[in-house]
Protein backbone atom coordinates (compact mmCIF):
# COMPACT_ATOMS: atom_id res chain seq x y z
CA MET A 1 -16.74 8.13 -19.91
CA PHE A 2 -13.38 10.04 -19.53
CA ASN A 3 -12.00 7.70 -17.03
CA VAL A 4 -12.52 4.57 -18.82
CA ARG A 5 -10.70 6.08 -22.05
CA LEU A 6 -8.16 7.14 -20.03
CA LEU A 7 -7.26 4.04 -17.87
CA PRO A 8 -5.06 2.80 -19.83
CA LEU A 9 -2.69 5.47 -20.05
CA ALA A 10 -2.57 5.19 -16.15
CA ILE A 11 -2.24 1.33 -16.39
CA CYS A 12 0.94 2.05 -18.75
CA LEU A 13 2.19 4.19 -15.85
CA ALA A 14 2.05 1.55 -13.47
CA THR A 15 2.83 -1.75 -15.07
CA ALA A 16 5.67 -3.45 -17.49
CA PRO A 17 4.75 -2.48 -20.96
CA ALA A 18 3.19 -5.61 -23.09
CA PHE A 19 5.86 -4.83 -25.95
CA ALA A 20 9.15 -2.87 -25.88
CA LEU A 21 9.32 0.02 -27.76
CA GLU A 22 10.69 0.73 -31.25
CA GLN A 23 14.41 2.26 -31.31
CA GLY A 24 14.52 5.53 -30.22
CA GLU A 25 11.10 5.68 -29.31
CA HIS A 26 9.99 7.42 -26.32
CA ARG A 27 6.95 8.25 -23.98
CA PHE A 28 7.29 10.58 -20.80
CA ASN A 29 4.19 11.13 -18.53
CA THR A 30 3.48 12.66 -15.35
CA PHE A 31 0.69 11.58 -12.76
CA GLY A 32 0.10 12.60 -9.11
CA THR A 33 -2.72 13.94 -6.39
CA VAL A 34 -3.05 17.09 -4.80
CA GLY A 35 -5.28 16.18 -1.81
CA ILE A 36 -6.59 17.18 1.67
CA THR A 37 -7.74 14.77 4.87
CA HIS A 38 -9.30 15.11 8.33
CA LEU A 39 -9.70 12.91 11.23
CA GLY A 40 -12.65 13.62 13.73
CA GLY A 41 -14.14 11.59 16.40
CA GLU A 42 -10.64 11.25 17.98
CA ASP A 43 -10.30 14.04 20.65
CA ASP A 44 -6.98 13.56 21.82
CA GLY A 45 -4.86 14.70 19.24
CA ARG A 46 -4.86 10.85 17.89
CA SER A 47 -3.01 10.22 14.23
CA TYR A 48 -4.03 7.81 11.72
CA GLY A 49 -2.56 6.15 8.48
CA ILE A 50 0.51 4.57 6.94
CA THR A 51 2.63 7.08 8.35
CA GLY A 52 0.30 8.85 10.64
CA GLN A 53 -0.66 11.89 8.62
CA THR A 54 -4.13 12.06 9.09
CA THR A 55 -4.74 14.09 12.32
CA ASP A 56 -7.54 16.47 13.47
CA SER A 57 -6.21 19.24 11.20
CA TRP A 58 -6.70 19.35 7.43
CA ARG A 59 -3.67 18.27 5.83
CA GLY A 60 -2.63 17.51 2.27
CA ASP A 61 0.81 15.37 3.02
CA GLN A 62 -1.28 12.25 3.49
CA LEU A 63 -2.51 11.99 0.15
CA SER A 64 -0.74 14.63 -2.12
CA LYS A 65 2.10 13.23 -4.20
CA PHE A 66 3.58 13.82 -7.74
CA GLY A 67 5.30 11.54 -10.06
CA ALA A 68 7.06 11.67 -13.61
CA GLN A 69 7.78 8.52 -16.04
CA ILE A 70 10.13 7.77 -18.95
CA GLN A 71 10.55 5.03 -21.19
CA TYR A 72 13.06 4.82 -24.08
CA GLY A 73 13.76 2.18 -26.90
CA LEU A 74 17.51 1.09 -26.55
CA THR A 75 16.95 -1.23 -29.47
CA ASP A 76 13.56 -2.77 -30.85
CA THR A 77 13.87 -5.34 -27.94
CA LEU A 78 16.08 -3.23 -25.00
CA GLY A 79 14.34 -0.65 -23.22
CA ILE A 80 14.84 1.73 -19.86
CA THR A 81 11.93 2.93 -17.66
CA VAL A 82 12.51 5.35 -14.63
CA GLN A 83 9.81 6.42 -12.48
CA ALA A 84 10.47 9.34 -10.05
CA THR A 85 8.25 10.70 -6.96
CA ALA A 86 7.73 13.13 -4.90
CA LYS A 87 5.56 12.81 -1.70
CA PRO A 88 5.93 13.43 2.12
CA GLU A 89 7.41 11.32 4.50
CA GLN A 90 5.90 12.34 7.98
CA ASP A 91 6.39 16.07 8.34
CA GLU A 92 8.81 16.58 5.07
CA TRP A 93 8.91 15.92 1.34
CA LYS A 94 10.94 13.39 -0.27
CA ALA A 95 12.29 12.34 -3.61
CA ASN A 96 11.90 8.81 -4.53
CA LEU A 97 13.25 6.62 -7.17
CA GLU A 98 10.63 4.17 -7.86
CA TRP A 99 11.26 2.53 -11.11
CA ALA A 100 15.13 2.23 -12.95
CA TYR A 101 15.04 -0.65 -14.98
CA LEU A 102 16.62 -2.04 -18.24
CA SER A 103 13.86 -4.60 -19.82
CA TRP A 104 14.39 -6.81 -22.17
CA GLN A 105 11.51 -8.10 -24.50
CA SER A 106 12.92 -11.69 -25.30
CA THR A 107 10.03 -12.88 -26.92
CA ASP A 108 6.50 -11.83 -27.99
CA ASN A 109 5.27 -13.31 -24.93
CA LEU A 110 8.21 -12.83 -22.25
CA MET A 111 9.37 -9.45 -20.95
CA VAL A 112 12.68 -9.96 -18.38
CA ARG A 113 13.33 -6.39 -16.18
CA PHE A 114 16.25 -5.73 -14.23
CA GLY A 115 17.01 -3.17 -12.17
CA ARG A 116 14.97 -1.18 -9.18
CA LEU A 117 11.23 -2.75 -9.60
CA ARG A 118 8.08 -2.39 -7.67
CA THR A 119 7.69 -5.31 -5.23
CA PRO A 120 4.18 -7.40 -6.34
CA VAL A 121 2.95 -7.50 -3.00
CA TYR A 122 -0.54 -6.13 -3.83
CA MET A 123 -3.18 -6.05 -6.55
CA TYR A 124 -2.38 -2.41 -6.94
CA SER A 125 1.35 -2.49 -5.73
CA GLU A 126 2.67 -1.30 -9.26
CA SER A 127 -0.02 1.59 -9.82
CA ILE A 128 0.09 2.79 -6.32
CA ASP A 129 1.14 6.11 -6.38
CA VAL A 130 -1.06 6.64 -10.03
CA GLY A 131 -4.28 7.50 -8.29
CA PHE A 132 -5.96 8.02 -11.45
CA SER A 133 -5.92 4.02 -11.57
CA TYR A 134 -8.31 3.37 -8.86
CA PRO A 135 -11.37 4.60 -7.63
CA TRP A 136 -10.58 5.58 -4.00
CA LEU A 137 -8.57 8.58 -3.09
CA ARG A 138 -6.89 6.77 -0.55
CA LEU A 139 -6.95 3.01 -0.94
CA PRO A 140 -8.04 0.97 1.70
CA ASP A 141 -5.71 1.06 4.59
CA GLU A 142 -6.69 -2.45 6.44
CA VAL A 143 -5.07 -3.77 3.44
CA TYR A 144 -2.63 -1.28 2.18
CA SER A 145 -1.28 -0.49 5.55
CA GLN A 146 0.26 -4.45 5.77
CA VAL A 147 3.75 -4.08 3.76
CA GLN A 148 5.21 -0.68 3.55
CA LEU A 149 7.93 -2.06 1.15
CA SER A 150 7.08 -0.50 -2.29
CA ASN A 151 10.33 -1.68 -4.63
CA TYR A 152 13.28 -3.63 -4.21
CA GLU A 153 16.42 -4.52 -6.68
CA GLY A 154 16.79 -7.63 -8.70
CA VAL A 155 14.77 -9.30 -11.52
CA ASP A 156 11.31 -10.23 -12.43
CA ALA A 157 10.17 -12.05 -15.81
CA VAL A 158 6.33 -11.51 -17.53
CA TYR A 159 5.04 -14.18 -19.24
CA THR A 160 1.54 -13.10 -21.08
CA VAL A 161 -0.56 -15.75 -22.87
CA PRO A 162 -3.23 -14.42 -25.24
CA LEU A 163 -6.42 -16.76 -25.04
CA SER A 164 -9.67 -16.02 -27.02
CA TYR A 165 -11.67 -14.46 -24.29
CA GLY A 166 -8.57 -12.60 -22.67
CA SER A 167 -5.20 -13.40 -21.29
CA VAL A 168 -3.03 -14.59 -18.40
CA ALA A 169 0.16 -13.56 -17.36
CA PHE A 170 2.43 -15.18 -15.09
CA GLN A 171 5.31 -12.92 -12.99
CA VAL A 172 8.36 -14.01 -10.86
CA ALA A 173 10.30 -11.88 -8.75
CA GLY A 174 13.18 -12.02 -6.89
CA GLY A 175 16.10 -9.56 -5.27
CA GLN A 176 16.48 -7.89 -1.95
CA ALA A 177 15.52 -4.28 -0.61
CA LYS A 178 17.98 -2.68 2.01
CA ASN A 179 18.02 0.10 4.03
CA ARG A 180 14.49 0.81 3.93
CA ASP A 181 12.33 2.60 6.17
CA ILE A 182 9.16 1.58 8.23
CA PHE A 183 6.94 3.52 10.18
CA ALA A 184 5.96 2.54 14.02
CA PHE A 185 4.91 4.55 16.83
CA ASP A 186 5.05 7.59 15.19
CA ASP A 187 8.46 7.34 13.94
CA MET A 188 10.77 5.70 11.38
CA TYR A 189 12.92 2.73 11.72
CA ASP A 190 15.26 0.89 9.56
CA ILE A 191 14.40 -2.21 7.74
CA ASP A 192 16.05 -4.69 5.73
CA TYR A 193 14.11 -7.37 3.26
CA GLU A 194 16.46 -10.09 2.00
CA LYS A 195 15.83 -13.02 -0.52
CA VAL A 196 12.81 -11.28 -1.98
CA PHE A 197 10.74 -13.96 -3.62
CA GLY A 198 7.37 -13.05 -5.24
CA ALA A 199 5.06 -15.15 -7.80
CA ASN A 200 1.52 -14.22 -9.13
CA ILE A 201 -0.63 -15.35 -12.24
CA SER A 202 -3.10 -12.97 -13.36
CA LEU A 203 -6.57 -13.72 -15.82
CA ALA A 204 -7.64 -10.99 -17.38
CA THR A 205 -10.83 -11.42 -19.40
CA ASN A 206 -12.79 -9.05 -22.10
CA ASP A 207 -15.97 -9.88 -20.28
CA PHE A 208 -15.71 -11.00 -16.48
CA GLY A 209 -13.16 -8.88 -14.81
CA THR A 210 -9.33 -9.96 -13.69
CA LEU A 211 -8.46 -12.33 -11.19
CA ARG A 212 -5.34 -12.37 -9.23
CA ILE A 213 -3.59 -14.43 -6.99
CA GLY A 214 -0.20 -13.39 -5.37
CA TYR A 215 2.54 -14.85 -3.16
CA VAL A 216 5.49 -12.94 -1.83
CA GLU A 217 8.48 -13.72 0.99
CA ALA A 218 11.43 -12.32 2.48
CA ASP A 219 14.02 -12.45 5.43
CA ILE A 220 13.18 -9.43 7.20
CA SER A 221 15.72 -7.75 9.85
CA THR A 222 14.67 -4.74 11.73
CA GLU A 223 14.67 -3.32 15.38
CA ILE A 224 12.04 -1.50 16.73
CA GLU A 225 13.29 0.50 20.20
CA ASP A 226 12.16 3.53 21.91
CA PHE A 227 12.98 5.32 25.48
CA VAL A 228 10.05 4.97 27.81
CA ASN A 229 8.82 6.00 30.99
CA ARG A 230 9.39 2.35 32.87
CA PRO A 231 8.47 1.79 36.52
CA ASN A 232 11.61 0.88 38.90
CA ILE A 233 10.55 -2.66 40.32
CA PRO A 234 13.52 -4.88 39.95
CA PHE A 235 11.69 -7.98 40.96
CA ALA A 236 9.09 -7.47 37.93
CA GLY A 237 12.24 -6.85 35.62
CA LEU A 238 11.49 -3.25 35.70
CA ASN A 239 14.26 -0.89 36.15
CA GLY A 240 13.14 2.70 35.37
CA PRO A 241 13.00 4.82 32.59
CA GLY A 242 15.03 3.39 29.63
CA VAL A 243 15.47 2.26 25.78
CA GLN A 244 12.41 -0.68 25.45
CA SER A 245 12.51 -3.14 22.64
CA PHE A 246 9.26 -3.62 21.12
CA GLN A 247 9.85 -5.85 17.99
CA SER A 248 13.41 -7.39 17.45
CA ILE A 249 13.38 -9.57 14.01
CA ASP A 250 16.85 -11.06 12.72
CA LYS A 251 16.55 -12.67 9.16
CA GLN A 252 12.83 -13.71 10.06
CA LYS A 253 11.12 -15.23 7.24
CA GLY A 254 8.33 -12.93 6.66
CA LYS A 255 5.35 -13.97 4.32
CA PHE A 256 2.18 -12.26 2.36
CA VAL A 257 -0.24 -14.04 0.29
CA SER A 258 -2.85 -11.99 -2.06
CA VAL A 259 -6.23 -12.71 -3.85
CA GLY A 260 -7.86 -9.76 -5.84
CA TYR A 261 -10.44 -9.75 -8.53
CA GLN A 262 -11.56 -6.48 -10.38
CA TYR A 263 -14.55 -5.72 -12.85
CA ASP A 264 -15.23 -2.71 -14.57
CA ASN A 265 -17.85 -2.86 -17.60
CA GLY A 266 -17.86 1.06 -17.84
CA THR A 267 -20.79 1.19 -15.77
CA TRP A 268 -20.56 -1.29 -13.01
CA LEU A 269 -17.43 -1.86 -11.33
CA SER A 270 -15.80 -3.71 -8.59
CA SER A 271 -12.76 -4.19 -6.55
CA ASN A 272 -11.98 -6.80 -4.10
CA GLU A 273 -8.84 -8.03 -2.14
CA TRP A 274 -8.07 -10.62 0.56
CA THR A 275 -4.43 -10.78 2.31
CA SER A 276 -2.49 -12.48 4.77
CA ARG A 277 0.44 -11.70 6.34
CA SER A 278 2.69 -13.72 8.51
CA ILE A 279 6.45 -13.42 10.47
CA GLU A 280 7.95 -16.51 11.74
CA ALA A 281 8.89 -16.51 15.36
CA ASP A 282 7.81 -13.17 15.95
CA GLY A 283 4.80 -14.25 18.22
CA SER A 284 2.19 -12.04 16.34
CA GLY A 285 0.49 -14.54 14.81
CA THR A 286 -1.42 -14.06 11.11
CA THR A 287 -2.60 -10.46 10.33
CA ASP A 288 -5.71 -11.10 7.90
CA ALA A 289 -7.32 -8.24 5.65
CA PHE A 290 -9.82 -7.97 3.36
CA TYR A 291 -12.15 -4.85 1.16
CA LEU A 292 -15.12 -5.18 -0.95
CA MET A 293 -16.05 -2.32 -3.16
CA GLY A 294 -18.97 -1.80 -5.50
CA GLY A 295 -19.57 0.99 -7.61
CA ARG A 296 -21.69 2.80 -10.45
CA ARG A 297 -20.94 5.41 -12.94
CA PHE A 298 -23.76 8.23 -13.74
CA GLY A 299 -21.96 10.01 -16.68
CA GLU A 300 -19.50 11.77 -15.18
CA PHE A 301 -20.09 10.89 -12.01
CA LEU A 302 -18.95 7.69 -10.08
CA THR A 303 -20.38 6.57 -6.85
CA HIS A 304 -18.66 3.54 -4.76
CA VAL A 305 -18.93 2.17 -1.26
CA THR A 306 -16.35 -0.09 0.08
CA TYR A 307 -16.28 -2.21 3.56
CA ALA A 308 -12.85 -3.07 4.88
CA GLN A 309 -11.87 -5.32 7.40
CA LEU A 310 -8.37 -6.08 9.39
CA ASP A 311 -8.13 -9.00 11.72
CA ASP A 312 -5.16 -9.38 14.20
CA ASP A 313 -4.04 -11.72 17.26
CA ALA A 314 -4.75 -8.18 19.25
CA GLY A 315 -8.65 -7.40 17.56
CA ARG A 316 -10.21 -5.79 14.54
CA GLN A 317 -10.48 -2.71 12.62
CA ASN A 318 -13.35 -2.38 10.47
CA SER A 319 -14.22 0.65 7.88
CA TRP A 320 -16.91 1.91 5.65
CA THR A 321 -16.18 4.31 2.73
CA LEU A 322 -18.45 5.93 0.89
CA GLY A 323 -17.34 7.80 -2.18
CA LEU A 324 -18.40 10.31 -5.40
CA ASN A 325 -15.62 10.99 -7.90
CA TYR A 326 -16.29 13.57 -10.71
CA ASN A 327 -14.33 13.60 -14.19
CA LEU A 328 -13.03 17.46 -14.42
CA LEU A 329 -11.28 16.64 -17.46
CA PRO A 330 -10.40 13.24 -19.96
CA ASN A 331 -7.16 12.87 -17.36
CA VAL A 332 -8.35 14.83 -14.04
CA VAL A 333 -10.71 13.32 -11.82
CA LEU A 334 -12.48 15.08 -8.52
CA LYS A 335 -12.72 12.52 -5.90
CA SER A 336 -14.46 13.09 -2.42
CA GLU A 337 -14.83 9.92 0.22
CA TYR A 338 -15.85 10.04 3.96
CA LYS A 339 -14.86 6.74 5.88
CA ARG A 340 -16.09 5.21 9.02
CA VAL A 341 -13.21 3.73 10.97
CA ASP A 342 -13.89 1.52 14.14
CA THR A 343 -11.72 -1.08 16.27
CA SER A 344 -12.40 -3.35 19.09
CA GLY A 345 -10.64 -5.81 21.64
CA GLY A 346 -8.59 -3.02 22.32
CA TYR A 347 -6.38 -2.74 18.92
CA GLU A 348 -5.38 0.35 17.53
CA GLY A 349 -5.50 -1.18 13.98
CA VAL A 350 -4.45 1.57 11.48
CA PHE A 351 -4.62 4.49 14.49
CA ILE A 352 -1.03 5.57 15.67
CA ARG A 353 -0.02 4.80 19.40
CA SER A 354 2.89 6.07 20.68
CA SER A 355 5.71 3.91 22.27
CA GLN A 356 4.99 4.70 25.69
CA GLU A 357 1.27 4.05 25.35
CA ALA A 358 2.06 0.95 23.94
CA PHE A 359 4.46 -0.15 26.76
CA ASP A 360 1.69 0.80 29.35
CA ASN A 361 -1.04 -1.42 27.74
CA ALA A 362 1.56 -4.12 27.49
CA LEU A 363 2.54 -3.86 30.76
CA SER A 364 -1.13 -3.37 32.03
CA GLU A 365 -1.74 -6.73 30.18
CA GLY A 366 1.28 -8.56 31.73
CA SER A 367 0.24 -7.47 35.34
CA ASN A 368 -3.54 -7.76 35.31
CA GLY A 369 -4.06 -4.18 35.20
CA LEU A 370 -2.13 -3.68 38.50
CA LEU A 371 0.30 -1.38 36.24
CA GLY A 372 0.14 0.35 33.30
CA SER A 373 -3.17 1.66 31.90
CA PRO A 374 -5.55 -1.08 29.81
CA ALA A 375 -5.66 -0.47 26.04
CA ARG A 376 -8.58 0.92 24.58
CA ASN A 377 -10.42 0.87 21.56
CA PHE A 378 -10.49 3.83 18.51
CA ASP A 379 -12.94 5.19 16.34
CA GLY A 380 -12.91 7.96 13.95
CA ASP A 381 -14.59 9.47 10.55
CA ILE A 382 -12.17 10.19 8.12
CA VAL A 383 -12.72 13.08 5.23
CA SER A 384 -10.99 13.27 2.31
CA VAL A 385 -11.10 15.16 -1.02
CA GLY A 386 -8.65 15.64 -3.63
CA VAL A 387 -7.71 15.35 -7.40
CA ASP A 388 -6.23 12.67 -9.30
CA PHE A 389 -4.22 13.84 -12.67
CA VAL A 390 -2.36 11.94 -15.48
CA PHE A 391 -1.01 13.97 -18.04
C-alpha cells in the first residue's frame, strides 16, 4: 500500500530526525495540498473554520498549501533544518518560516534543537502542514481550532529510549512567540505568548500503536476589540456606537493538556485525541474537545469515519466526518470528505460570528432578551476534495 510505504517520508518532514545527518549530507523535500471545500446548510453567508475560509462558495484557500524543507549536516553531530510554507491567511497568500533551527545530537539518544520550532501542542503539531501524514484532508476542527500558535522561538530536547517492543520519547520545550496573529470575528489580531513551556511523552510500540501525553502552558497577552453599533442607554453603560472590547488578556496563564493515540497495521487504522484548554482569569472556563477515528484500507482505497465534539461553557459542537481516499501514486493521495456539523446551546463553535453579532448576543443575554438578539445554533454540511503529496 503506497501510503503506508511513504509514511516514513512524511514523518521525516514533520519531526526531529532520530539521528543527525553526516557532515556535508543534505536532504531536500517538498510537500503540499491542493484542495477545495464548500459549506452548505447556512444560507446567510456564514463562514466556518480556523480562519473562516470555508463558505458557501467552492474555495481552495482553506485547504491548499505548499512547503519545502531542507536539512544539512554541518558536522556529524550538528545540523541545520529550515522549513518554509506558503498558505492563505484569510484572503491573501502568505509565506511562513515554520522551522529554522540548529540541532545537536549530543548522544545516540538525546537531540537538542535551538531556533524556531513547532509548538508541541497537538499530536499532529509537527506534521500539521504535511497532509500526507494523516488520513483527513482537514484535521478535526473541534480539536485543532483551539490553539492557533504553530511555532515559537526557543529550545527543546528530545530523549529517545529504545525498548524491546518499540521506543519511548521524552520532549521538553521552552521559549516565546511574540507578534503572532489570532483569528477572531473574521479578522486578525495581535497576540503574544511568553514563557512558553511544553513537555510530552510518546510510547511507540511495534504492534499496539503510539500513545502520546502532552502539556503546554504560556503567558498570553492580547486585546480583541472592534467597532460595533451600540444603543445609547447611559444608565445601562451603553453610550452609542464605538469600539467594544471583547477580550483583554495581559500575561495570563494559558494551559493546554492533550492525550492522543494512533494505530495503523496497514489494514486497520485509528487516530484519537482528547484536549483541554483553560486561560486563567478570562472568565471563559475550560474548553474540552476530542475526536475518535477508525478506518480500513481496501487495496489503494482508504475509508474512514470520525466523530468529534467540542464543549465550551457556551454550548457544544459535534460532527461526523466520512472520508474516502485513493492512492494515485506512491507519493500522491486523492482525498474526499463529507462532514456534518451541528451546534447547540446557542454556541457558534467553529462557525464565525461577526463582532456585531457577538455583541448583540451578549446584550440579549445580559438584558434577558429585552435588547440585542439571542444567540442561535448553527449547522452545516462541509464537502472537501483535494490531493496531498510529498516529494
